[in-house]
Amino acid sequence: MSNKVGAGEPQKQKPLRSRRTPERHDTIKPAVSDTAGGAARREASPGRGDFRMISARTIARMGDYQSATKLYMEILSDRPKDKPALAALARIGIAHKNIGILSTVAKQAGLLDQATLASVVGLLLRFDAVFVLRDMIQREGALAADFVAPTVRRCHSMLRKTAGGNEENRAQRALLCRCILDIAPDDASARSGLARLFEKDLVAVRKLSGSELRKAAAKILDQDPRNTEALRQHAAACLDMGDLASAYASLARLPDADLTQPRISAQFVVASSASRSLEEHAGDLRRLNASKTDRNSVLVHRASRMGLKAASTARNHVAVIAFADLVLAQKEGDSTADKLRCVAVTQLNRILQKAMRAGAVSQVESLWESIAHVADVDVSSAVMRFFLRAKDYGRAESIAERLLLKEPENSMANQVKAKLHHERGEYGQALHRAMTVLKDNPQDLAMMRILKYAGARLTPAQRPASMSANNVRNV
């Protein structure tokens, strides 16, 4: 007899358990949806997962750089800010010294790392592509500041190689001098070299008159737009021919130092008064008045009085104020100018109030630009409220800042600033403005709410010394 338990009885076998975990459809995770972070990562590295990028890299490894370049160009045409594609294209251009590719890469120089950019610039200098470098320096600004000096040196080297008196060499030298002055305006060598190129032409021009003088001066200006002597001669010819608009265009391009010459300043005033609007003419007189010379002061005073009379006759209130300010700057206490100015300000205020009542936003904007510098506190406050109702918060804030310069304790301006700071999350500044308002009006509920919410979001170190956590809770 067996001692085993359950001997002679069929034993129950346990079911075999598979090592493979059965598939459970109810636990399958849903596909991860696209998130802002994922989109941002793909934007930061747009080449990832891009079939064209992968193909271009593979083709480049196989040695077919022409096809790879074509693919990279297609990618950059779709995504001009694609850094991996631009860097890969730059490497091909550097390796094969391809000036066409390097010129294309230079248009997006700001996206390249410093080492790659330096290699690109070095090759462009080697190929004398100074005009490509000039465009890059003007476009990138401070980023390309280190490459100004090498580009200028290369231009001067090219100038020495193009010495000669034929027309082609002279045109090339003019282009190189202008290239230098575009990126280094204070380069005296380029400025004097450009002047010498047209010295003989200017001598010949001075012997001409009328239309011949105008054509000869215009020809020089086509090659050297900033040639002051050519500008003077062109303006004189235009004045003789009665073309005051063209004369003004040339005179306005002269340096301010030239406008101190009595003959030039007189021509400038005549051309401006005949070809410009009253407001623009007043602006030209302000520019002339900045020279602070006695003769110009007399000229500006006379022209301003004439302009004031013309503006008053035309009922151009904005121009009246501008000319009256010029007259009063020359002669304080001028009763006629002061009276006309007061009338013009009053009329503009009435027109402005009428436009605000009608809700004409565009008209209010244009009128406010004209009257802002002479508007009093009441008018400024009314216009600020109008822009707040129109939800033009930028203009409302600028008016509030203008008011605070005149009256730092202005309650309405501080309220506007407090609300706008609070909405932007600038709680420290919002708190400061709210406390300024509550000094004079302790029951202002809107400022009390800002004081409470802004104070609660600041740490004790960020709050004013006079304000504790208990003050915040008790508001």
Protein backbone atom coordinates (compact mmCIF):
# COMPACT_ATOMS: atom_id res chain seq x y z
CA MET A 1 0.00 0.00 0.00
CA SER A 2 1.46 3.24 -1.07
CA ASN A 3 2.02 5.99 1.43
CA LYS A 4 1.45 8.74 -1.17
CA VAL A 5 -1.61 10.84 -0.76
CA GLY A 6 -4.34 10.10 -3.23
CA ALA A 7 -2.63 7.01 -4.61
CA GLY A 8 -4.56 5.26 -7.30
CA GLU A 9 -6.59 8.37 -8.07
CA PRO A 10 -5.99 10.38 -11.18
CA GLN A 11 -4.04 13.53 -10.29
CA LYS A 12 -5.36 16.86 -11.45
CA GLN A 13 -2.82 18.59 -13.66
CA LYS A 14 -2.46 22.34 -13.53
CA PRO A 15 -3.12 24.09 -16.84
CA LEU A 16 0.04 25.14 -18.65
CA ARG A 17 0.67 28.85 -18.52
CA SER A 18 2.23 30.40 -21.59
CA ARG A 19 5.25 32.59 -21.10
CA ARG A 20 3.86 35.01 -23.61
CA THR A 21 1.65 37.66 -22.06
CA PRO A 22 -1.77 37.55 -23.68
CA GLU A 23 -2.69 40.60 -25.70
CA ARG A 24 -5.04 42.87 -23.88
CA HIS A 25 -6.82 45.34 -26.05
CA ASP A 26 -8.24 47.23 -23.13
CA THR A 27 -4.76 48.27 -21.91
CA ILE A 28 -3.38 49.53 -25.17
CA LYS A 29 -2.26 53.12 -24.73
CA PRO A 30 -3.70 55.61 -27.15
CA ALA A 31 -1.34 57.29 -29.55
CA VAL A 32 0.36 60.27 -28.02
CA SER A 33 -1.20 63.41 -29.36
CA ASP A 34 0.91 66.23 -30.67
CA THR A 35 1.76 68.79 -28.04
CA ALA A 36 3.07 72.28 -28.11
CA GLY A 37 6.42 71.04 -26.80
CA GLY A 38 6.74 68.48 -29.57
CA ALA A 39 5.85 71.03 -32.19
CA ALA A 40 8.39 73.42 -30.75
CA ARG A 41 11.10 70.73 -30.82
CA ARG A 42 10.33 69.95 -34.45
CA GLU A 43 10.40 73.65 -35.25
CA ALA A 44 13.78 73.97 -33.55
CA SER A 45 15.18 71.05 -35.59
CA PRO A 46 13.10 71.05 -38.79
CA GLY A 47 15.43 68.61 -40.53
CA ARG A 48 14.41 65.75 -38.22
CA GLY A 49 12.24 63.26 -40.04
CA ASP A 50 12.37 65.26 -43.24
CA PHE A 51 12.82 62.87 -46.13
CA ARG A 52 14.46 65.53 -48.28
CA MET A 53 17.00 66.29 -45.56
CA ILE A 54 17.86 62.62 -45.15
CA SER A 55 18.13 62.20 -48.91
CA ALA A 56 20.37 65.28 -49.25
CA ARG A 57 22.73 63.99 -46.56
CA THR A 58 22.89 60.54 -48.15
CA ILE A 59 23.51 61.97 -51.63
CA ALA A 60 26.24 64.26 -50.24
CA ARG A 61 27.97 61.25 -48.63
CA MET A 62 27.87 59.50 -52.00
CA GLY A 63 29.71 62.45 -53.54
CA ASP A 64 26.90 63.89 -55.66
CA TYR A 65 27.21 67.42 -54.26
CA GLN A 66 25.32 69.02 -57.12
CA SER A 67 22.14 67.05 -56.38
CA ALA A 68 22.59 67.56 -52.64
CA THR A 69 22.92 71.30 -53.17
CA LYS A 70 19.71 71.32 -55.19
CA LEU A 71 17.83 69.52 -52.41
CA TYR A 72 19.19 71.86 -49.73
CA MET A 73 18.14 74.85 -51.84
CA GLU A 74 14.61 73.41 -52.11
CA ILE A 75 14.46 72.95 -48.34
CA LEU A 76 15.62 76.55 -47.75
CA SER A 77 13.11 77.90 -50.25
CA ASP A 78 10.35 76.27 -48.14
CA ARG A 79 11.97 76.99 -44.77
CA PRO A 80 14.45 79.88 -45.01
CA LYS A 81 15.30 79.55 -41.29
CA ASP A 82 16.27 75.87 -41.47
CA LYS A 83 19.61 75.88 -39.64
CA PRO A 84 20.71 72.28 -40.42
CA ALA A 85 20.07 72.73 -44.15
CA LEU A 86 21.86 76.09 -44.19
CA ALA A 87 24.85 74.71 -42.28
CA ALA A 88 25.08 71.70 -44.63
CA LEU A 89 24.90 73.99 -47.66
CA ALA A 90 27.61 76.20 -46.16
CA ARG A 91 29.87 73.17 -45.69
CA ILE A 92 29.45 72.24 -49.35
CA GLY A 93 30.17 75.82 -50.44
CA ILE A 94 33.29 75.98 -48.24
CA ALA A 95 34.58 72.57 -49.33
CA HIS A 96 34.15 73.31 -53.05
CA LYS A 97 34.85 77.08 -52.85
CA ASN A 98 31.60 77.78 -54.68
CA ILE A 99 31.00 81.53 -54.69
CA GLY A 100 27.35 81.11 -55.73
CA ILE A 101 26.56 78.87 -52.76
CA LEU A 102 28.50 81.11 -50.36
CA SER A 103 26.60 84.18 -51.58
CA THR A 104 23.30 82.39 -50.92
CA VAL A 105 24.44 81.32 -47.45
CA ALA A 106 25.55 84.88 -46.61
CA LYS A 107 21.94 86.06 -46.92
CA GLN A 108 21.13 84.06 -43.76
CA ALA A 109 24.47 84.60 -42.00
CA GLY A 110 22.76 85.15 -38.65
CA LEU A 111 21.77 81.46 -38.50
CA LEU A 112 25.34 80.14 -38.86
CA ASP A 113 27.69 79.36 -35.99
CA GLN A 114 30.67 81.67 -35.62
CA ALA A 115 33.27 79.25 -37.01
CA THR A 116 31.26 78.50 -40.17
CA LEU A 117 30.48 82.19 -40.66
CA ALA A 118 34.17 83.07 -40.37
CA SER A 119 35.04 80.46 -43.03
CA VAL A 120 32.32 81.81 -45.35
CA VAL A 121 33.54 85.40 -44.93
CA GLY A 122 37.14 84.36 -45.48
CA LEU A 123 36.33 82.73 -48.81
CA LEU A 124 34.15 85.66 -49.91
CA LEU A 125 37.07 87.99 -49.19
CA ARG A 126 39.36 85.70 -51.12
CA PHE A 127 37.04 85.91 -54.12
CA ASP A 128 36.71 89.74 -53.74
CA ALA A 129 32.95 89.43 -53.16
CA VAL A 130 32.92 92.70 -51.21
CA PHE A 131 29.44 93.71 -52.35
CA VAL A 132 27.99 90.46 -50.98
CA LEU A 133 29.79 91.16 -47.69
CA ARG A 134 28.50 94.75 -47.65
CA ASP A 135 24.91 93.53 -47.98
CA MET A 136 25.50 90.96 -45.24
CA ILE A 137 27.01 93.55 -42.86
CA GLN A 138 24.14 95.99 -43.45
CA ARG A 139 21.58 93.23 -42.93
CA GLU A 140 23.07 91.58 -39.82
CA GLY A 141 24.31 94.72 -38.05
CA ALA A 142 26.15 94.00 -34.80
CA LEU A 143 26.50 90.29 -35.59
CA ALA A 144 28.74 91.09 -38.57
CA ALA A 145 30.57 94.04 -36.99
CA ASP A 146 33.82 92.04 -36.78
CA PHE A 147 33.90 91.71 -40.57
CA VAL A 148 33.71 95.45 -41.37
CA ALA A 149 37.45 96.10 -41.11
CA PRO A 150 38.52 93.12 -43.31
CA THR A 151 35.95 94.10 -45.94
CA VAL A 152 37.16 97.72 -45.97
CA ARG A 153 40.77 96.56 -46.31
CA ARG A 154 39.84 94.33 -49.24
CA CYS A 155 38.02 97.23 -50.93
CA HIS A 156 41.06 99.47 -50.57
CA SER A 157 43.24 96.71 -52.02
CA MET A 158 40.89 96.43 -55.00
CA LEU A 159 40.97 100.23 -55.41
CA ARG A 160 44.74 100.14 -55.78
CA LYS A 161 44.43 97.48 -58.49
CA THR A 162 41.90 99.50 -60.51
CA ALA A 163 44.00 102.65 -60.83
CA GLY A 164 43.55 104.17 -64.27
CA GLY A 165 41.79 106.91 -66.15
CA ASN A 166 39.44 104.97 -68.41
CA GLU A 167 35.69 105.12 -67.86
CA GLU A 168 35.31 101.47 -66.81
CA ASN A 169 37.96 101.71 -64.09
CA ARG A 170 36.51 104.96 -62.82
CA ALA A 171 33.03 103.44 -62.52
CA GLN A 172 34.50 100.45 -60.66
CA ARG A 173 36.40 102.72 -58.29
CA ALA A 174 33.23 104.71 -57.61
CA LEU A 175 31.37 101.52 -56.72
CA LEU A 176 34.16 100.41 -54.37
CA CYS A 177 34.30 103.82 -52.64
CA ARG A 178 30.52 103.76 -52.11
CA CYS A 179 30.80 100.18 -50.80
CA ILE A 180 33.30 101.36 -48.18
CA LEU A 181 31.18 104.36 -47.19
CA ASP A 182 28.07 102.18 -46.84
CA ILE A 183 29.69 100.18 -44.02
CA ALA A 184 32.28 102.72 -42.79
CA PRO A 185 30.80 106.23 -43.34
CA ASP A 186 33.75 107.92 -41.62
CA ASP A 187 36.39 106.51 -43.96
CA ALA A 188 38.16 109.69 -45.09
CA SER A 189 40.21 107.92 -47.76
CA ALA A 190 37.12 106.62 -49.55
CA ARG A 191 35.36 109.97 -49.26
CA SER A 192 38.29 111.92 -50.71
CA GLY A 193 38.87 109.27 -53.36
CA LEU A 194 35.26 109.50 -54.48
CA ALA A 195 35.50 113.29 -54.66
CA ARG A 196 38.70 113.11 -56.76
CA LEU A 197 37.03 110.80 -59.27
CA PHE A 198 34.61 113.56 -60.28
CA GLU A 199 36.89 116.55 -59.76
CA LYS A 200 37.43 117.12 -63.48
CA ASP A 201 33.73 116.63 -64.21
CA LEU A 202 32.80 119.19 -61.55
CA VAL A 203 35.23 121.73 -63.03
CA ALA A 204 33.53 121.26 -66.38
CA VAL A 205 30.07 121.40 -64.80
CA ARG A 206 30.67 124.83 -63.29
CA LYS A 207 31.09 126.27 -66.80
CA LEU A 208 27.62 125.05 -67.83
CA SER A 209 24.19 126.47 -67.16
CA GLY A 210 20.51 125.61 -67.49
CA SER A 211 19.53 122.15 -68.69
CA GLU A 212 23.13 121.20 -69.57
CA LEU A 213 24.23 121.92 -66.00
CA ARG A 214 21.31 119.92 -64.64
CA LYS A 215 22.10 116.90 -66.84
CA ALA A 216 25.82 116.97 -66.04
CA ALA A 217 25.18 117.25 -62.28
CA ALA A 218 22.58 114.45 -62.44
CA LYS A 219 25.11 112.22 -64.22
CA ILE A 220 27.59 112.68 -61.36
CA LEU A 221 24.84 112.07 -58.77
CA ASP A 222 23.97 108.78 -60.45
CA GLN A 223 27.46 107.53 -59.56
CA ASP A 224 27.96 109.48 -56.34
CA PRO A 225 24.56 110.35 -54.78
CA ARG A 226 26.15 112.18 -51.84
CA ASN A 227 28.48 114.46 -53.79
CA THR A 228 27.76 117.81 -52.15
CA GLU A 229 29.10 119.98 -54.98
CA ALA A 230 27.00 118.11 -57.55
CA LEU A 231 23.95 118.50 -55.28
CA ARG A 232 24.52 122.24 -55.04
CA GLN A 233 24.95 122.62 -58.80
CA HIS A 234 21.89 120.47 -59.52
CA ALA A 235 19.77 122.53 -57.12
CA ALA A 236 20.99 125.81 -58.65
CA ALA A 237 20.14 124.58 -62.16
CA CYS A 238 16.67 123.44 -61.06
CA LEU A 239 16.00 126.80 -59.39
CA ASP A 240 17.01 128.65 -62.56
CA MET A 241 14.65 126.46 -64.56
CA GLY A 242 11.79 126.95 -62.05
CA ASP A 243 11.68 123.29 -60.95
CA LEU A 244 11.46 124.01 -57.23
CA ALA A 245 10.45 120.47 -56.24
CA SER A 246 13.64 118.98 -57.77
CA ALA A 247 15.69 121.78 -56.28
CA TYR A 248 14.30 121.00 -52.84
CA ALA A 249 15.04 117.27 -53.30
CA SER A 250 18.73 118.08 -53.91
CA LEU A 251 19.02 120.72 -51.17
CA ALA A 252 17.37 118.47 -48.58
CA ARG A 253 20.10 115.85 -49.16
CA LEU A 254 22.88 118.30 -48.28
CA PRO A 255 24.53 117.98 -44.85
CA ASP A 256 23.26 120.34 -42.16
CA ALA A 257 26.61 122.14 -42.21
CA ASP A 258 25.98 123.27 -45.80
CA LEU A 259 22.68 124.84 -44.77
CA THR A 260 24.59 127.42 -42.71
CA GLN A 261 25.75 129.08 -45.94
CA PRO A 262 23.47 132.08 -46.61
CA ARG A 263 22.95 131.38 -50.31
CA ILE A 264 22.17 127.67 -49.73
CA SER A 265 19.82 128.36 -46.80
CA ALA A 266 17.94 130.99 -48.79
CA GLN A 267 17.52 128.56 -51.70
CA PHE A 268 16.37 125.89 -49.25
CA VAL A 269 13.65 128.14 -47.80
CA VAL A 270 12.40 129.25 -51.22
CA ALA A 271 12.26 125.69 -52.57
CA SER A 272 10.61 124.36 -49.39
CA SER A 273 7.92 127.06 -49.27
CA ALA A 274 7.02 126.50 -52.93
CA SER A 275 7.03 122.69 -53.09
CA ARG A 276 6.12 121.47 -49.61
CA SER A 277 2.95 121.50 -47.55
CA LEU A 278 2.66 124.05 -44.73
CA GLU A 279 3.37 121.42 -42.04
CA GLU A 280 6.37 120.08 -43.96
CA HIS A 281 7.66 123.62 -44.56
CA ALA A 282 7.50 124.27 -40.82
CA GLY A 283 9.54 121.09 -40.25
CA ASP A 284 12.16 122.29 -42.75
CA LEU A 285 12.39 125.63 -40.93
CA ARG A 286 12.92 123.79 -37.64
CA ARG A 287 15.82 121.93 -39.26
CA LEU A 288 17.28 125.20 -40.50
CA ASN A 289 16.78 126.85 -37.12
CA ALA A 290 18.83 124.09 -35.46
CA SER A 291 21.99 125.54 -37.04
CA LYS A 292 21.82 128.46 -34.54
CA THR A 293 23.48 130.96 -36.88
CA ASP A 294 22.43 134.62 -36.82
CA ARG A 295 21.65 134.81 -40.53
CA ASN A 296 19.60 131.63 -40.42
CA SER A 297 17.72 132.92 -37.37
CA VAL A 298 16.68 136.04 -39.26
CA LEU A 299 15.75 133.96 -42.31
CA VAL A 300 13.71 131.49 -40.22
CA HIS A 301 11.91 134.32 -38.41
CA ARG A 302 10.85 135.97 -41.67
CA ALA A 303 9.84 132.68 -43.27
CA SER A 304 7.93 131.65 -40.12
CA ARG A 305 5.91 134.88 -40.08
CA MET A 306 5.05 134.39 -43.76
CA GLY A 307 4.11 130.77 -43.08
CA LEU A 308 2.00 131.81 -40.09
CA LYS A 309 0.06 134.25 -42.24
CA ALA A 310 -0.46 131.62 -44.99
CA ALA A 311 -1.54 128.95 -42.47
CA SER A 312 -3.96 131.35 -40.77
CA THR A 313 -5.50 132.29 -44.14
CA ALA A 314 -5.84 128.61 -45.06
CA ARG A 315 -7.27 127.85 -41.57
CA ASN A 316 -4.68 125.10 -41.14
CA HIS A 317 -4.65 125.02 -37.34
CA VAL A 318 -1.84 122.47 -37.07
CA ALA A 319 0.44 124.59 -39.27
CA VAL A 320 -0.54 127.74 -37.38
CA ILE A 321 0.68 126.17 -34.12
CA ALA A 322 3.93 125.00 -35.77
CA PHE A 323 4.75 128.40 -37.28
CA ALA A 324 3.67 130.26 -34.13
CA ASP A 325 6.07 128.15 -32.06
CA LEU A 326 8.89 129.06 -34.46
CA VAL A 327 8.06 132.76 -34.25
CA LEU A 328 7.82 132.66 -30.44
CA ALA A 329 11.15 130.83 -30.27
CA GLN A 330 12.75 133.72 -32.13
CA LYS A 331 10.79 136.49 -30.40
CA GLU A 332 9.20 135.73 -27.06
CA GLY A 333 5.96 137.54 -26.31
CA ASP A 334 4.99 138.12 -29.93
CA SER A 335 1.33 139.05 -29.41
CA THR A 336 0.17 138.15 -32.94
CA ALA A 337 1.76 134.71 -32.88
CA ASP A 338 0.54 134.05 -29.35
CA LYS A 339 -3.04 135.04 -30.19
CA LEU A 340 -3.17 132.96 -33.39
CA ARG A 341 -1.71 129.99 -31.55
CA CYS A 342 -4.34 130.15 -28.80
CA VAL A 343 -7.14 130.35 -31.38
CA ALA A 344 -5.73 127.37 -33.29
CA VAL A 345 -5.43 125.24 -30.12
CA THR A 346 -9.03 126.08 -29.16
CA GLN A 347 -10.32 125.16 -32.61
CA LEU A 348 -8.41 121.86 -32.62
CA ASN A 349 -9.80 121.01 -29.18
CA ARG A 350 -13.35 121.58 -30.44
CA ILE A 351 -12.78 119.46 -33.54
CA LEU A 352 -11.23 116.74 -31.37
CA GLN A 353 -14.15 116.71 -28.93
CA LYS A 354 -16.60 116.52 -31.82
CA ALA A 355 -14.72 113.56 -33.31
CA MET A 356 -14.72 111.78 -29.92
CA ARG A 357 -18.47 112.27 -29.53
CA ALA A 358 -18.96 110.81 -33.03
CA GLY A 359 -16.68 107.86 -32.19
CA ALA A 360 -14.44 108.54 -35.22
CA VAL A 361 -11.34 106.65 -34.06
CA SER A 362 -9.17 107.34 -37.13
CA GLN A 363 -9.96 111.08 -37.02
CA VAL A 364 -9.17 111.23 -33.31
CA GLU A 365 -5.86 109.46 -33.89
CA SER A 366 -4.75 111.91 -36.60
CA LEU A 367 -5.92 114.94 -34.62
CA TRP A 368 -4.23 113.75 -31.45
CA GLU A 369 -0.88 113.36 -33.25
CA SER A 370 -1.15 117.01 -34.24
CA ILE A 371 -2.29 118.41 -30.90
CA ALA A 372 -0.56 116.10 -28.41
CA HIS A 373 2.36 118.46 -27.72
CA VAL A 374 0.04 121.39 -26.91
CA ALA A 375 -2.91 119.59 -25.25
CA ASP A 376 -3.67 120.44 -21.63
CA VAL A 377 -4.38 117.90 -18.88
CA ASP A 378 -8.17 117.89 -19.33
CA VAL A 379 -7.99 117.26 -23.08
CA SER A 380 -5.31 114.60 -22.64
CA SER A 381 -7.42 112.82 -20.01
CA ALA A 382 -10.49 112.88 -22.27
CA VAL A 383 -8.54 111.44 -25.20
CA MET A 384 -7.03 108.77 -22.92
CA ARG A 385 -10.51 107.69 -21.82
CA PHE A 386 -11.63 107.60 -25.46
CA PHE A 387 -8.77 105.26 -26.44
CA LEU A 388 -9.50 103.05 -23.44
CA ARG A 389 -13.12 102.69 -24.58
CA ALA A 390 -11.83 101.93 -28.10
CA LYS A 391 -9.50 99.29 -26.54
CA ASP A 392 -6.44 101.00 -28.01
CA TYR A 393 -4.39 100.38 -24.88
CA GLY A 394 -1.08 101.32 -26.48
CA ARG A 395 -2.16 104.88 -27.24
CA ALA A 396 -3.94 105.19 -23.89
CA GLU A 397 -0.76 104.17 -22.06
CA SER A 398 1.40 106.60 -24.05
CA ILE A 399 -0.99 109.45 -23.12
CA ALA A 400 -0.87 108.32 -19.47
CA GLU A 401 2.93 108.45 -19.55
CA ARG A 402 2.81 111.93 -21.09
CA LEU A 403 0.43 113.06 -18.32
CA LEU A 404 2.65 111.57 -15.60
CA LEU A 405 5.60 113.58 -16.90
CA LYS A 406 3.55 116.74 -16.28
CA GLU A 407 1.78 115.54 -13.09
CA PRO A 408 3.37 112.49 -11.38
CA GLU A 409 0.41 112.29 -8.98
CA ASN A 410 -2.28 112.37 -11.70
CA SER A 411 -4.91 109.93 -10.40
CA MET A 412 -6.44 108.87 -13.73
CA ALA A 413 -3.08 108.29 -15.42
CA ASN A 414 -1.88 106.21 -12.45
CA GLN A 415 -5.09 104.16 -12.55
CA VAL A 416 -4.59 103.37 -16.24
CA LYS A 417 -0.96 102.41 -15.68
CA ALA A 418 -1.86 100.24 -12.65
CA LYS A 419 -4.51 98.30 -14.59
CA LEU A 420 -2.30 97.76 -17.62
CA HIS A 421 0.69 96.69 -15.50
CA HIS A 422 -1.53 94.25 -13.60
CA GLU A 423 -2.91 92.72 -16.79
CA ARG A 424 0.63 92.19 -18.09
CA GLY A 425 1.69 90.51 -14.85
CA GLU A 426 3.97 93.37 -13.83
CA TYR A 427 2.80 93.23 -10.23
CA GLY A 428 5.52 95.38 -8.68
CA GLN A 429 4.78 98.35 -10.93
CA ALA A 430 1.02 97.78 -10.61
CA LEU A 431 1.36 97.84 -6.84
CA HIS A 432 3.33 101.10 -6.91
CA ARG A 433 0.74 102.84 -9.12
CA ALA A 434 -2.18 101.54 -7.05
CA MET A 435 -0.63 102.82 -3.81
CA THR A 436 -0.09 106.24 -5.43
CA VAL A 437 -3.81 106.45 -6.28
CA LEU A 438 -4.92 105.22 -2.83
CA LYS A 439 -2.99 108.01 -1.10
CA ASP A 440 -5.49 110.55 -2.44
CA ASN A 441 -8.50 108.24 -2.82
CA PRO A 442 -8.39 105.47 -0.17
CA GLN A 443 -11.86 104.15 -1.19
CA ASP A 444 -10.97 103.31 -4.80
CA LEU A 445 -12.20 99.70 -5.04
CA ALA A 446 -10.39 98.89 -8.30
CA MET A 447 -7.05 100.00 -6.84
CA MET A 448 -7.74 98.10 -3.62
CA ARG A 449 -8.30 94.90 -5.61
CA ILE A 450 -5.06 95.44 -7.52
CA LEU A 451 -3.29 96.13 -4.23
CA LYS A 452 -4.58 92.85 -2.83
CA TYR A 453 -3.94 90.60 -5.83
CA ALA A 454 -0.62 92.14 -6.84
CA GLY A 455 0.64 92.19 -3.25
CA ALA A 456 -0.24 88.52 -2.77
CA ARG A 457 1.84 87.56 -5.79
CA LEU A 458 4.96 89.33 -4.62
CA THR A 459 7.45 88.02 -2.11
CA PRO A 460 8.04 90.03 1.07
CA ALA A 461 11.34 91.26 -0.37
CA GLN A 462 9.58 92.57 -3.49
CA ARG A 463 6.88 94.50 -1.61
CA PRO A 464 7.43 98.11 -0.52
CA ALA A 465 8.82 98.52 2.98
CA SER A 466 5.60 100.17 4.11
CA MET A 467 3.52 97.18 3.11
CA SER A 468 3.50 93.91 5.08
CA ALA A 469 1.71 90.63 4.48
CA ASN A 470 -0.92 91.64 7.08
CA ASN A 471 -1.65 94.81 5.10
CA VAL A 472 -2.25 92.69 2.00
CA ARG A 473 -4.64 90.31 3.79
CA ASN A 474 -6.56 93.16 5.42
CA VAL A 475 -7.28 95.01 2.18
